[in-house]
């Protein structure tokens, strides 16, 4: 009796299954084609941007970025930074977005909750949409540089973030914090952008300090202080949040 009832149910469901199978190719094909088209257009955009960028590394491995526009150099800078230490970039993103627990586990939940008090992804996206065209171009290049790195390095497996959005780099660094906050509130970017450039250049002095103590240093050397300790044969301790370990 049980077998008979199951057989009846199976036979009764056959028309529905046939109808579903018959309509699936027609309904899903346009969606698949649209997604493929969008991906192809995005990839073409990345490749066109990359063609305008030259990354030259000096004797110490420090990248020097050349581009035809500011957006080109932003794209190249993020690409080169990902080459050096993608893991650190992703961890910084996760911390800034309040999503560190997705990679590190429940022990980071309180840190994430604290970040959520200050950062609202929807608000960040809204501010991105309200930004002037020139700023959007820079933010797009910022995310595109990371996404293009992932595309050209399929062997790299992100822990959480498989795609970076232009509005999801939640104020990575004091220079960005000063520049964008002032810009959003006043619409006057002049001095803050100069401040961002100054702070960015000052931050690079640390690399020269590392190279001074360790001529053949690797990108995972956290700071000049750590390089000095390594040269002296002293143990070092890296912070998981800042150094990706």
Protein backbone atom coordinates (compact mmCIF):
# COMPACT_ATOMS: atom_id res chain seq x y z
CA UNK A 1 0.00 0.00 0.00
CA UNK A 2 2.85 2.38 0.94
CA UNK A 3 4.64 1.64 -2.35
CA UNK A 4 1.44 2.30 -4.28
CA UNK A 5 0.92 5.69 -2.59
CA UNK A 6 4.51 6.73 -3.31
CA UNK A 7 4.11 5.69 -6.93
CA UNK A 8 0.92 7.72 -7.22
CA UNK A 9 2.69 10.79 -5.81
CA UNK A 10 5.58 10.32 -8.22
CA UNK A 11 3.30 10.00 -11.24
CA UNK A 12 1.28 13.01 -10.11
CA UNK A 13 4.42 15.15 -9.85
CA UNK A 14 5.72 14.23 -13.31
CA UNK A 15 3.73 16.90 -15.23
CA UNK A 16 5.03 19.59 -12.89
CA UNK A 17 8.62 18.37 -13.26
CA UNK A 18 8.31 18.25 -17.03
CA UNK A 19 6.87 21.77 -17.10
CA UNK A 20 9.61 23.04 -14.82
CA UNK A 21 12.37 21.48 -16.90
CA UNK A 22 10.87 22.79 -20.12
CA UNK A 23 10.76 26.39 -18.92
CA UNK A 24 14.06 26.51 -17.04
CA UNK A 25 16.37 27.10 -20.04
CA UNK A 26 14.19 29.92 -21.36
CA UNK A 27 13.87 31.69 -18.01
CA UNK A 28 17.44 31.31 -16.80
CA UNK A 29 19.30 31.82 -20.07
CA UNK A 30 18.73 35.61 -20.25
CA UNK A 31 19.90 35.94 -16.64
CA UNK A 32 23.04 33.90 -17.28
CA UNK A 33 23.78 35.85 -20.45
CA UNK A 34 23.30 39.17 -18.63
CA UNK A 35 25.68 38.10 -15.86
CA UNK A 36 28.27 36.92 -18.37
CA UNK A 37 27.96 40.17 -20.30
CA UNK A 38 28.36 42.25 -17.15
CA UNK A 39 31.41 40.24 -16.10
CA UNK A 40 32.97 40.58 -19.54
CA UNK A 41 32.43 44.35 -19.51
CA UNK A 42 33.91 44.64 -16.03
CA UNK A 43 36.92 42.51 -16.97
CA UNK A 44 37.49 44.63 -20.08
CA UNK A 45 37.40 47.73 -17.87
CA UNK A 46 39.99 46.25 -15.49
CA UNK A 47 42.26 45.26 -18.34
CA UNK A 48 41.99 48.69 -19.96
CA UNK A 49 42.91 50.31 -16.63
CA UNK A 50 45.79 47.88 -16.09
CA UNK A 51 47.18 48.72 -19.54
CA UNK A 52 47.68 52.31 -18.32
CA UNK A 53 49.59 51.26 -15.21
CA UNK A 54 53.25 50.38 -14.75
CA UNK A 55 54.54 48.92 -11.48
CA UNK A 56 58.30 48.99 -11.01
CA UNK A 57 59.93 47.52 -7.92
CA UNK A 58 63.30 48.79 -6.79
CA UNK A 59 66.17 46.86 -5.21
CA UNK A 60 64.30 46.65 -1.91
CA UNK A 61 61.05 45.49 -3.47
CA UNK A 62 59.27 48.80 -2.94
CA UNK A 63 56.72 49.36 -5.74
CA UNK A 64 56.70 52.59 -7.71
CA UNK A 65 53.38 53.14 -9.46
CA UNK A 66 53.03 55.03 -12.74
CA UNK A 67 49.72 55.80 -14.46
CA UNK A 68 48.12 58.21 -16.87
CA UNK A 69 45.55 59.39 -14.33
CA UNK A 70 45.11 59.49 -10.56
CA UNK A 71 42.67 56.59 -10.82
CA UNK A 72 45.29 54.57 -12.68
CA UNK A 73 47.80 55.02 -9.87
CA UNK A 74 45.19 54.15 -7.22
CA UNK A 75 44.39 50.97 -9.16
CA UNK A 76 48.08 50.07 -9.42
CA UNK A 77 48.78 50.89 -5.78
CA UNK A 78 46.11 48.52 -4.48
CA UNK A 79 47.20 45.82 -6.94
CA UNK A 80 50.81 46.10 -5.74
CA UNK A 81 49.74 46.13 -2.10
CA UNK A 82 47.74 42.95 -2.67
CA UNK A 83 50.83 41.38 -4.23
CA UNK A 84 52.76 42.17 -1.07
CA UNK A 85 50.22 41.05 1.52
CA UNK A 86 46.64 40.35 0.45
CA UNK A 87 45.86 38.68 3.75
CA UNK A 88 46.60 41.86 5.69
CA UNK A 89 44.35 43.88 3.38
CA UNK A 90 41.46 41.48 3.84
CA UNK A 91 41.88 41.37 7.63
CA UNK A 92 41.90 45.18 7.76
CA UNK A 93 38.74 45.25 5.66
CA UNK A 94 37.02 42.66 7.84
CA UNK A 95 37.90 44.55 10.99
CA UNK A 96 36.74 47.87 9.56
CA UNK A 97 33.49 46.33 8.33
CA UNK A 98 32.71 44.56 11.60
CA UNK A 99 33.04 41.11 9.99
CA UNK A 100 36.23 39.82 11.58
CA UNK A 101 34.42 37.00 13.39
CA UNK A 102 33.59 35.44 10.02
CA UNK A 103 37.29 34.67 9.65
CA UNK A 104 38.58 34.54 13.21
CA UNK A 105 35.65 32.99 15.03
CA UNK A 106 33.33 33.92 17.90
CA UNK A 107 36.14 35.51 19.89
CA UNK A 108 35.95 38.59 17.64
CA UNK A 109 32.19 39.12 17.98
CA UNK A 110 32.48 41.96 20.49
CA UNK A 111 35.02 43.74 18.30
CA UNK A 112 32.61 43.40 15.37
CA UNK A 113 29.69 44.69 17.43
CA UNK A 114 31.74 47.72 18.43
CA UNK A 115 32.54 48.48 14.79
CA UNK A 116 28.87 48.11 13.85
CA UNK A 117 28.06 50.92 16.27
CA UNK A 118 30.08 53.32 14.13
CA UNK A 119 29.72 51.97 10.61
CA UNK A 120 26.55 51.32 8.65
CA UNK A 121 27.19 49.70 5.22
CA UNK A 122 24.00 51.19 3.81
CA UNK A 123 25.10 54.65 4.92
CA UNK A 124 28.54 54.13 3.36
CA UNK A 125 26.94 53.08 0.08
CA UNK A 126 24.63 56.11 0.16
CA UNK A 127 27.60 58.43 0.68
CA UNK A 128 29.38 56.75 -2.21
CA UNK A 129 26.39 57.35 -4.48
CA UNK A 130 26.31 61.02 -3.42
CA UNK A 131 30.02 61.54 -4.08
CA UNK A 132 31.20 63.64 -7.05
CA UNK A 133 32.24 61.80 -10.20
CA UNK A 134 35.97 62.35 -9.70
CA UNK A 135 35.85 60.81 -6.23
CA UNK A 136 33.75 57.88 -7.41
CA UNK A 137 36.36 57.16 -10.06
CA UNK A 138 39.07 56.94 -7.40
CA UNK A 139 36.95 54.73 -5.16
CA UNK A 140 36.07 52.47 -8.08
CA UNK A 141 39.76 52.18 -8.98
CA UNK A 142 40.54 51.32 -5.36
CA UNK A 143 38.18 48.33 -5.42
CA UNK A 144 39.00 47.39 -9.01
CA UNK A 145 42.70 47.06 -8.19
CA UNK A 146 41.92 44.45 -5.55
CA UNK A 147 39.34 42.63 -7.68
CA UNK A 148 41.69 42.51 -10.65
CA UNK A 149 44.41 41.09 -8.40
CA UNK A 150 42.07 38.27 -7.35
CA UNK A 151 41.17 37.66 -11.00
CA UNK A 152 44.82 37.39 -12.05
CA UNK A 153 45.75 35.27 -9.02
CA UNK A 154 43.21 32.44 -8.91
CA UNK A 155 45.51 30.55 -6.55
CA UNK A 156 44.75 33.13 -3.84
CA UNK A 157 41.75 32.11 -1.75
CA UNK A 158 40.19 34.96 0.27
CA UNK A 159 39.08 34.01 3.75
CA UNK A 160 35.76 35.87 3.44
CA UNK A 161 35.73 38.70 0.88
CA UNK A 162 35.63 37.44 -2.70
CA UNK A 163 34.68 40.81 -4.14
CA UNK A 164 35.56 44.33 -2.98
CA UNK A 165 33.10 47.16 -3.40
CA UNK A 166 34.13 50.83 -3.77
CA UNK A 167 32.16 51.80 -0.67
CA UNK A 168 33.31 48.94 1.58
CA UNK A 169 36.82 50.15 2.39
CA UNK A 170 35.62 51.61 5.66
CA UNK A 171 38.02 54.46 6.34
CA UNK A 172 41.24 52.44 6.12
CA UNK A 173 43.73 54.72 7.81
CA UNK A 174 43.78 58.13 9.43
CA UNK A 175 44.40 59.91 6.11
CA UNK A 176 41.23 58.53 4.55
CA UNK A 177 39.31 59.27 7.75
CA UNK A 178 40.30 62.94 7.68
CA UNK A 179 39.86 63.41 3.95
CA UNK A 180 36.52 61.77 3.38
CA UNK A 181 34.86 62.97 6.59
CA UNK A 182 35.71 66.58 5.82
CA UNK A 183 34.71 66.15 2.19
CA UNK A 184 31.32 64.65 2.97
CA UNK A 185 30.47 67.36 5.51
CA UNK A 186 31.83 70.45 3.78
CA UNK A 187 32.33 69.54 0.13
CA UNK A 188 35.77 71.20 0.29
CA UNK A 189 38.44 68.59 -0.41
CA UNK A 190 41.50 70.77 -0.92
CA UNK A 191 43.54 70.72 2.30
CA UNK A 192 42.32 67.28 3.39
CA UNK A 193 43.47 65.67 0.17
CA UNK A 194 46.87 67.29 0.58
CA UNK A 195 46.93 65.96 4.15
CA UNK A 196 46.11 62.48 2.88
CA UNK A 197 49.03 62.66 0.45
CA UNK A 198 51.40 63.86 3.16
CA UNK A 199 50.36 61.10 5.57
CA UNK A 200 50.65 58.50 2.83
CA UNK A 201 54.21 59.60 2.07
CA UNK A 202 55.15 59.71 5.73
CA UNK A 203 53.88 56.16 6.17
CA UNK A 204 56.26 55.00 3.45
CA UNK A 205 59.26 56.12 5.52
CA UNK A 206 58.76 52.99 7.57
CA UNK A 207 59.64 50.91 4.51
CA UNK A 208 62.94 52.74 4.15
CA UNK A 209 63.64 52.07 7.82
CA UNK A 210 63.00 48.37 7.30
CA UNK A 211 65.25 48.31 4.25
CA UNK A 212 68.01 50.07 6.23
CA UNK A 213 68.17 47.26 8.77
CA UNK A 214 67.20 44.42 6.42
CA UNK A 215 68.38 45.04 2.84
CA UNK A 216 66.74 41.77 1.77
CA UNK A 217 63.51 42.15 3.69
CA UNK A 218 60.20 40.46 2.92
CA UNK A 219 56.73 42.10 2.92
CA UNK A 220 55.75 40.33 6.16
CA UNK A 221 58.27 42.41 8.18
CA UNK A 222 55.82 44.56 10.18
CA UNK A 223 57.85 47.70 10.96
CA UNK A 224 61.26 49.34 11.36
CA UNK A 225 61.25 48.35 15.02
CA UNK A 226 60.69 44.70 14.10
CA UNK A 227 63.41 44.89 11.43
CA UNK A 228 65.84 46.19 14.06
CA UNK A 229 64.99 43.30 16.40
CA UNK A 230 65.38 40.78 13.58
CA UNK A 231 68.81 42.22 12.72
CA UNK A 232 69.82 41.90 16.37
CA UNK A 233 68.59 38.31 16.47
CA UNK A 234 65.85 39.17 18.93
CA UNK A 235 62.39 37.54 18.82
CA UNK A 236 59.46 39.52 17.46
CA UNK A 237 55.74 39.29 18.07
CA UNK A 238 53.33 40.23 15.30
CA UNK A 239 49.82 41.45 16.03
CA UNK A 240 47.17 39.43 14.23
CA UNK A 241 45.02 42.47 13.39
CA UNK A 242 47.78 44.67 11.99
CA UNK A 243 50.11 42.09 10.52
CA UNK A 244 47.72 39.36 9.39
CA UNK A 245 49.11 36.72 11.74
